[in-house]
Amino acid sequence: MLGPADANCVGREESTNMNMIMKAGVLATLVTLAACGAEDASRSGTSENAATAGAAPAASASESHSGTGTVKSISGSDVTIAHEEIKSIGWPAMEMTFTAADPALANGIKPGDRVSFAFTKGDGATTLTSISKQ
């Protein structure tokens, strides 16, 4: 027969086992939540740098964007434009070179002209699809 001292030992052992089970359950839950959070982060494109944080979401390559600016230079199919902010793609005002889908797009355009233009972006290339004097 077990005495009162033996009953305390059995109770403590069960309590210790329950504590270990609860700790293991909490740990498993935390690991699962962390894994789910990491998966969501990789899907949501959080690799953007701080310069684009809060900017408009990146658009797909098939979407067209438009802007206004001043032509700085034209060389073959490359047209360099100092453009204003382009909110649809989250770009600040800057000077950049666009490659014309057709070099004839720039006919009649010269450096210094104020222009409206449209382009697509994909695979690191920005393709000028239309340009006209303002």
N, C-alpha and C. Protein backbone atom coordinates (compact mmCIF):
# COMPACT_ATOMS: atom_id res chain seq x y z
N MET A 1 0.85 -1.17 0.00
CA MET A 1 0.00 0.00 0.00
C MET A 1 0.89 1.23 0.00
N LEU A 2 0.47 2.25 -0.68
CA LEU A 2 1.24 3.48 -0.78
C LEU A 2 0.84 4.42 0.34
N GLY A 3 1.83 5.04 0.92
CA GLY A 3 1.56 6.03 1.95
C GLY A 3 1.43 7.41 1.35
N PRO A 4 1.12 8.44 2.18
CA PRO A 4 0.96 9.80 1.69
C PRO A 4 2.21 10.31 0.98
N ALA A 5 3.39 9.95 1.41
CA ALA A 5 4.62 10.41 0.77
C ALA A 5 4.73 9.85 -0.63
N ASP A 6 4.33 8.57 -0.81
CA ASP A 6 4.38 7.96 -2.12
C ASP A 6 3.37 8.60 -3.07
N ALA A 7 2.23 8.99 -2.59
CA ALA A 7 1.21 9.65 -3.41
C ALA A 7 1.73 10.98 -3.94
N ASN A 8 2.45 11.73 -3.11
CA ASN A 8 3.03 13.00 -3.56
C ASN A 8 4.02 12.78 -4.70
N CYS A 9 4.82 11.75 -4.62
CA CYS A 9 5.80 11.46 -5.66
C CYS A 9 5.12 11.15 -6.99
N VAL A 10 4.06 10.37 -6.95
CA VAL A 10 3.33 10.03 -8.17
C VAL A 10 2.71 11.29 -8.75
N GLY A 11 2.12 12.14 -7.94
CA GLY A 11 1.51 13.38 -8.41
C GLY A 11 2.52 14.32 -9.04
N ARG A 12 3.69 14.42 -8.45
CA ARG A 12 4.73 15.30 -8.99
C ARG A 12 5.22 14.78 -10.35
N GLU A 13 5.35 13.47 -10.44
CA GLU A 13 5.82 12.88 -11.69
C GLU A 13 4.82 13.15 -12.82
N GLU A 14 3.52 12.98 -12.53
CA GLU A 14 2.49 13.25 -13.52
C GLU A 14 2.48 14.73 -13.88
N SER A 15 2.66 15.59 -12.91
CA SER A 15 2.70 17.03 -13.15
C SER A 15 3.88 17.40 -14.04
N THR A 16 5.03 16.80 -13.77
CA THR A 16 6.22 17.06 -14.58
C THR A 16 6.00 16.59 -16.01
N ASN A 17 5.40 15.42 -16.18
CA ASN A 17 5.10 14.91 -17.52
C ASN A 17 4.13 15.84 -18.25
N MET A 18 3.12 16.32 -17.57
CA MET A 18 2.15 17.24 -18.17
C MET A 18 2.84 18.54 -18.58
N ASN A 19 3.72 19.06 -17.73
CA ASN A 19 4.46 20.28 -18.06
C ASN A 19 5.30 20.08 -19.32
N MET A 20 5.97 18.93 -19.41
CA MET A 20 6.79 18.65 -20.59
C MET A 20 5.92 18.54 -21.84
N ILE A 21 4.76 17.91 -21.71
CA ILE A 21 3.85 17.77 -22.85
C ILE A 21 3.34 19.14 -23.28
N MET A 22 2.98 19.99 -22.32
CA MET A 22 2.50 21.33 -22.65
C MET A 22 3.60 22.15 -23.31
N LYS A 23 4.82 22.07 -22.79
CA LYS A 23 5.94 22.81 -23.38
C LYS A 23 6.20 22.34 -24.80
N ALA A 24 6.14 21.04 -25.02
CA ALA A 24 6.35 20.49 -26.36
C ALA A 24 5.25 20.98 -27.31
N GLY A 25 4.02 21.03 -26.82
CA GLY A 25 2.90 21.52 -27.63
C GLY A 25 3.06 22.99 -27.99
N VAL A 26 3.46 23.80 -27.02
CA VAL A 26 3.68 25.23 -27.27
C VAL A 26 4.81 25.40 -28.28
N LEU A 27 5.90 24.66 -28.11
CA LEU A 27 7.03 24.75 -29.03
C LEU A 27 6.61 24.35 -30.44
N ALA A 28 5.85 23.28 -30.58
CA ALA A 28 5.38 22.83 -31.89
C ALA A 28 4.50 23.89 -32.54
N THR A 29 3.64 24.52 -31.75
CA THR A 29 2.78 25.58 -32.27
C THR A 29 3.60 26.76 -32.77
N LEU A 30 4.59 27.18 -31.99
CA LEU A 30 5.44 28.30 -32.38
C LEU A 30 6.22 28.01 -33.65
N VAL A 31 6.75 26.81 -33.76
CA VAL A 31 7.50 26.43 -34.96
C VAL A 31 6.58 26.43 -36.18
N THR A 32 5.37 25.92 -36.02
CA THR A 32 4.41 25.91 -37.12
C THR A 32 4.04 27.32 -37.54
N LEU A 33 3.77 28.19 -36.58
CA LEU A 33 3.43 29.58 -36.91
C LEU A 33 4.58 30.28 -37.60
N ALA A 34 5.79 30.06 -37.14
CA ALA A 34 6.96 30.68 -37.76
C ALA A 34 7.11 30.20 -39.20
N ALA A 35 6.90 28.92 -39.44
CA ALA A 35 7.00 28.38 -40.79
C ALA A 35 5.93 28.97 -41.70
N CYS A 36 4.72 29.11 -41.20
CA CYS A 36 3.64 29.71 -41.99
C CYS A 36 3.94 31.16 -42.30
N GLY A 37 4.47 31.87 -41.34
CA GLY A 37 4.82 33.28 -41.56
C GLY A 37 5.91 33.42 -42.59
N ALA A 38 6.91 32.55 -42.58
CA ALA A 38 7.99 32.61 -43.56
C ALA A 38 7.47 32.31 -44.95
N GLU A 39 6.54 31.36 -45.05
CA GLU A 39 5.97 31.02 -46.35
C GLU A 39 5.16 32.20 -46.89
N ASP A 40 4.36 32.85 -46.05
CA ASP A 40 3.59 34.01 -46.48
C ASP A 40 4.51 35.12 -46.93
N ALA A 41 5.60 35.35 -46.22
CA ALA A 41 6.53 36.41 -46.58
C ALA A 41 7.16 36.15 -47.94
N SER A 42 7.49 34.89 -48.23
CA SER A 42 8.12 34.59 -49.51
C SER A 42 7.12 34.75 -50.65
N ARG A 43 5.85 34.54 -50.39
CA ARG A 43 4.83 34.71 -51.42
C ARG A 43 4.47 36.16 -51.64
N SER A 44 4.63 37.01 -50.64
CA SER A 44 4.17 38.38 -50.77
C SER A 44 5.22 39.32 -51.31
N GLY A 45 6.39 38.82 -51.71
CA GLY A 45 7.40 39.66 -52.31
C GLY A 45 8.06 40.60 -51.34
N THR A 46 8.35 40.16 -50.15
CA THR A 46 8.96 41.03 -49.16
C THR A 46 10.44 41.23 -49.39
N SER A 47 10.96 40.78 -50.52
CA SER A 47 12.37 40.99 -50.79
C SER A 47 12.64 42.39 -51.33
N GLU A 48 11.59 43.21 -51.47
CA GLU A 48 11.78 44.58 -51.92
C GLU A 48 12.64 45.32 -50.92
N ASN A 49 13.42 46.28 -51.43
CA ASN A 49 14.27 47.03 -50.52
C ASN A 49 13.51 48.19 -49.91
N ALA A 50 14.14 48.88 -48.99
CA ALA A 50 13.49 49.97 -48.27
C ALA A 50 13.08 51.10 -49.19
N ALA A 51 13.77 51.27 -50.31
CA ALA A 51 13.44 52.37 -51.22
C ALA A 51 12.06 52.17 -51.84
N THR A 52 11.63 50.93 -51.98
CA THR A 52 10.32 50.69 -52.58
C THR A 52 9.26 50.35 -51.56
N ALA A 53 9.62 50.33 -50.29
CA ALA A 53 8.64 50.03 -49.24
C ALA A 53 7.56 51.10 -49.27
N GLY A 54 6.32 50.68 -49.27
CA GLY A 54 5.20 51.63 -49.29
C GLY A 54 4.87 52.09 -50.70
N ALA A 55 5.64 51.66 -51.69
CA ALA A 55 5.39 52.06 -53.06
C ALA A 55 4.25 51.22 -53.62
N ALA A 56 3.79 51.61 -54.79
CA ALA A 56 2.73 50.86 -55.44
C ALA A 56 3.23 49.44 -55.71
N PRO A 57 2.34 48.46 -55.67
CA PRO A 57 2.78 47.10 -55.92
C PRO A 57 3.33 46.95 -57.33
N ALA A 58 4.30 46.08 -57.51
CA ALA A 58 4.88 45.86 -58.82
C ALA A 58 3.80 45.29 -59.74
N ALA A 59 3.79 45.76 -60.96
CA ALA A 59 2.79 45.31 -61.91
C ALA A 59 3.37 44.19 -62.76
N SER A 60 2.51 43.45 -63.42
CA SER A 60 2.97 42.37 -64.27
C SER A 60 3.59 42.95 -65.54
N ALA A 61 4.41 42.15 -66.19
CA ALA A 61 5.14 42.60 -67.37
C ALA A 61 4.20 42.99 -68.50
N SER A 62 3.00 42.47 -68.55
CA SER A 62 2.09 42.76 -69.64
C SER A 62 1.35 44.09 -69.46
N GLU A 63 1.47 44.69 -68.29
CA GLU A 63 0.77 45.95 -68.05
C GLU A 63 1.55 47.12 -68.63
N SER A 64 0.81 48.08 -69.14
CA SER A 64 1.42 49.29 -69.70
C SER A 64 1.38 50.39 -68.65
N HIS A 65 2.42 51.19 -68.63
CA HIS A 65 2.51 52.33 -67.72
C HIS A 65 2.77 53.56 -68.57
N SER A 66 2.41 54.72 -68.05
CA SER A 66 2.65 55.94 -68.81
C SER A 66 3.26 57.00 -67.92
N GLY A 67 3.92 57.93 -68.57
CA GLY A 67 4.56 59.01 -67.83
C GLY A 67 4.77 60.22 -68.71
N THR A 68 5.31 61.25 -68.10
CA THR A 68 5.68 62.46 -68.82
C THR A 68 7.10 62.83 -68.42
N GLY A 69 7.79 63.51 -69.32
CA GLY A 69 9.15 63.90 -69.01
C GLY A 69 9.78 64.67 -70.15
N THR A 70 11.09 64.85 -70.06
CA THR A 70 11.86 65.57 -71.06
C THR A 70 12.89 64.64 -71.66
N VAL A 71 12.93 64.58 -72.99
CA VAL A 71 13.90 63.73 -73.67
C VAL A 71 15.29 64.31 -73.48
N LYS A 72 16.22 63.47 -73.05
CA LYS A 72 17.61 63.89 -72.84
C LYS A 72 18.50 63.49 -74.01
N SER A 73 18.26 62.29 -74.55
CA SER A 73 19.05 61.84 -75.71
C SER A 73 18.31 60.72 -76.43
N ILE A 74 18.69 60.56 -77.71
CA ILE A 74 18.17 59.46 -78.53
C ILE A 74 19.36 58.85 -79.25
N SER A 75 19.50 57.54 -79.13
CA SER A 75 20.60 56.84 -79.79
C SER A 75 20.07 55.50 -80.29
N GLY A 76 19.84 55.41 -81.60
CA GLY A 76 19.26 54.19 -82.16
C GLY A 76 17.87 53.98 -81.60
N SER A 77 17.66 52.85 -80.94
CA SER A 77 16.34 52.58 -80.36
C SER A 77 16.28 52.96 -78.88
N ASP A 78 17.37 53.52 -78.34
CA ASP A 78 17.39 53.94 -76.94
C ASP A 78 17.00 55.41 -76.80
N VAL A 79 16.01 55.65 -75.95
CA VAL A 79 15.53 57.01 -75.68
C VAL A 79 15.69 57.27 -74.19
N THR A 80 16.51 58.26 -73.84
CA THR A 80 16.72 58.60 -72.43
C THR A 80 15.78 59.75 -72.08
N ILE A 81 15.00 59.54 -71.02
CA ILE A 81 13.98 60.51 -70.61
C ILE A 81 14.16 60.81 -69.12
N ALA A 82 14.14 62.10 -68.78
CA ALA A 82 14.07 62.52 -67.37
C ALA A 82 12.59 62.62 -67.08
N HIS A 83 12.04 61.59 -66.42
CA HIS A 83 10.59 61.53 -66.24
C HIS A 83 10.18 61.92 -64.83
N GLU A 84 8.92 62.30 -64.72
CA GLU A 84 8.31 62.60 -63.42
C GLU A 84 7.98 61.28 -62.72
N GLU A 85 7.48 61.37 -61.51
CA GLU A 85 7.08 60.17 -60.76
C GLU A 85 6.07 59.37 -61.57
N ILE A 86 6.24 58.04 -61.56
CA ILE A 86 5.29 57.14 -62.23
C ILE A 86 4.67 56.28 -61.14
N LYS A 87 3.53 56.71 -60.65
CA LYS A 87 2.89 56.07 -59.49
C LYS A 87 2.45 54.64 -59.76
N SER A 88 2.02 54.34 -60.99
CA SER A 88 1.50 53.00 -61.28
C SER A 88 2.53 51.89 -61.07
N ILE A 89 3.81 52.24 -61.09
CA ILE A 89 4.86 51.24 -60.90
C ILE A 89 5.72 51.57 -59.68
N GLY A 90 5.40 52.68 -59.01
CA GLY A 90 6.10 53.04 -57.78
C GLY A 90 7.47 53.66 -58.01
N TRP A 91 7.68 54.29 -59.16
CA TRP A 91 8.97 54.90 -59.46
C TRP A 91 8.98 56.38 -59.10
N PRO A 92 10.04 56.85 -58.48
CA PRO A 92 10.18 58.30 -58.26
C PRO A 92 10.64 58.96 -59.56
N ALA A 93 10.65 60.27 -59.59
CA ALA A 93 11.17 60.99 -60.75
C ALA A 93 12.65 60.63 -60.90
N MET A 94 13.07 60.36 -62.14
CA MET A 94 14.47 60.02 -62.41
C MET A 94 14.73 60.09 -63.90
N GLU A 95 15.99 59.96 -64.26
CA GLU A 95 16.38 59.90 -65.66
C GLU A 95 16.73 58.46 -65.98
N MET A 96 16.15 57.94 -67.05
CA MET A 96 16.45 56.56 -67.42
C MET A 96 16.29 56.35 -68.91
N THR A 97 16.87 55.27 -69.39
CA THR A 97 16.84 54.94 -70.81
C THR A 97 15.81 53.84 -71.07
N PHE A 98 14.98 54.09 -72.05
CA PHE A 98 13.97 53.13 -72.50
C PHE A 98 14.38 52.63 -73.88
N THR A 99 14.12 51.38 -74.18
CA THR A 99 14.38 50.84 -75.51
C THR A 99 13.06 50.85 -76.28
N ALA A 100 13.06 51.54 -77.42
CA ALA A 100 11.84 51.65 -78.22
C ALA A 100 11.51 50.30 -78.86
N ALA A 101 10.24 49.92 -78.80
CA ALA A 101 9.79 48.68 -79.44
C ALA A 101 10.05 48.78 -80.94
N ASP A 102 9.93 49.99 -81.48
CA ASP A 102 10.21 50.27 -82.89
C ASP A 102 10.99 51.59 -82.92
N PRO A 103 12.19 51.60 -83.48
CA PRO A 103 12.97 52.85 -83.50
C PRO A 103 12.24 54.01 -84.16
N ALA A 104 11.28 53.72 -85.03
CA ALA A 104 10.51 54.78 -85.70
C ALA A 104 9.62 55.54 -84.71
N LEU A 105 9.39 54.99 -83.51
CA LEU A 105 8.58 55.69 -82.50
C LEU A 105 9.14 57.07 -82.19
N ALA A 106 10.47 57.20 -82.23
CA ALA A 106 11.11 58.46 -81.86
C ALA A 106 11.25 59.44 -83.03
N ASN A 107 10.72 59.08 -84.21
CA ASN A 107 10.78 60.02 -85.35
C ASN A 107 10.09 61.32 -84.97
N GLY A 108 10.75 62.43 -85.22
CA GLY A 108 10.18 63.74 -84.92
C GLY A 108 10.41 64.18 -83.49
N ILE A 109 10.99 63.34 -82.66
CA ILE A 109 11.28 63.67 -81.26
C ILE A 109 12.77 64.01 -81.18
N LYS A 110 13.12 65.04 -80.42
CA LYS A 110 14.53 65.40 -80.25
C LYS A 110 14.82 65.74 -78.79
N PRO A 111 16.09 65.71 -78.41
CA PRO A 111 16.44 66.08 -77.03
C PRO A 111 15.90 67.47 -76.68
N GLY A 112 15.37 67.58 -75.48
CA GLY A 112 14.76 68.83 -75.02
C GLY A 112 13.25 68.85 -75.15
N ASP A 113 12.69 67.94 -75.98
CA ASP A 113 11.23 67.89 -76.15
C ASP A 113 10.56 67.37 -74.88
N ARG A 114 9.47 68.01 -74.52
CA ARG A 114 8.62 67.53 -73.41
C ARG A 114 7.69 66.49 -74.03
N VAL A 115 7.61 65.28 -73.42
CA VAL A 115 6.86 64.18 -74.03
C VAL A 115 5.96 63.46 -73.04
N SER A 116 4.95 62.81 -73.60
CA SER A 116 4.14 61.82 -72.89
C SER A 116 4.56 60.49 -73.50
N PHE A 117 4.66 59.45 -72.68
CA PHE A 117 5.11 58.17 -73.22
C PHE A 117 4.46 57.02 -72.47
N ALA A 118 4.48 55.85 -73.11
CA ALA A 118 3.97 54.62 -72.49
C ALA A 118 5.03 53.55 -72.66
N PHE A 119 5.07 52.62 -71.71
CA PHE A 119 6.08 51.56 -71.75
C PHE A 119 5.58 50.34 -71.01
N THR A 120 6.25 49.22 -71.27
CA THR A 120 6.04 48.00 -70.50
C THR A 120 7.36 47.66 -69.84
N LYS A 121 7.28 46.91 -68.75
CA LYS A 121 8.49 46.52 -68.02
C LYS A 121 8.46 45.02 -67.81
N GLY A 122 9.57 44.37 -68.13
CA GLY A 122 9.66 42.93 -67.91
C GLY A 122 11.08 42.44 -68.09
N ASP A 123 11.48 41.49 -67.26
CA ASP A 123 12.82 40.89 -67.33
C ASP A 123 13.93 41.94 -67.32
N GLY A 124 13.75 42.99 -66.54
CA GLY A 124 14.77 44.02 -66.41
C GLY A 124 14.79 45.04 -67.54
N ALA A 125 13.98 44.84 -68.57
CA ALA A 125 13.95 45.77 -69.70
C ALA A 125 12.71 46.65 -69.63
N THR A 126 12.88 47.90 -69.98
CA THR A 126 11.74 48.80 -70.10
C THR A 126 11.59 49.12 -71.59
N THR A 127 10.47 48.73 -72.15
CA THR A 127 10.24 48.89 -73.58
C THR A 127 9.26 50.02 -73.84
N LEU A 128 9.73 51.02 -74.56
CA LEU A 128 8.91 52.17 -74.93
C LEU A 128 7.93 51.74 -76.01
N THR A 129 6.63 51.91 -75.76
CA THR A 129 5.62 51.48 -76.73
C THR A 129 4.97 52.65 -77.46
N SER A 130 5.06 53.86 -76.88
CA SER A 130 4.58 55.06 -77.58
C SER A 130 5.23 56.28 -76.96
N ILE A 131 5.37 57.32 -77.78
CA ILE A 131 5.93 58.58 -77.30
C ILE A 131 5.40 59.70 -78.19
N SER A 132 5.01 60.81 -77.58
CA SER A 132 4.52 61.94 -78.36
C SER A 132 4.86 63.24 -77.65
N LYS A 133 5.07 64.30 -78.46
CA LYS A 133 5.36 65.62 -77.89
C LYS A 133 4.13 66.13 -77.15
N GLN A 134 4.37 66.88 -76.10
CA GLN A 134 3.25 67.49 -75.37
C GLN A 134 2.96 68.85 -75.93
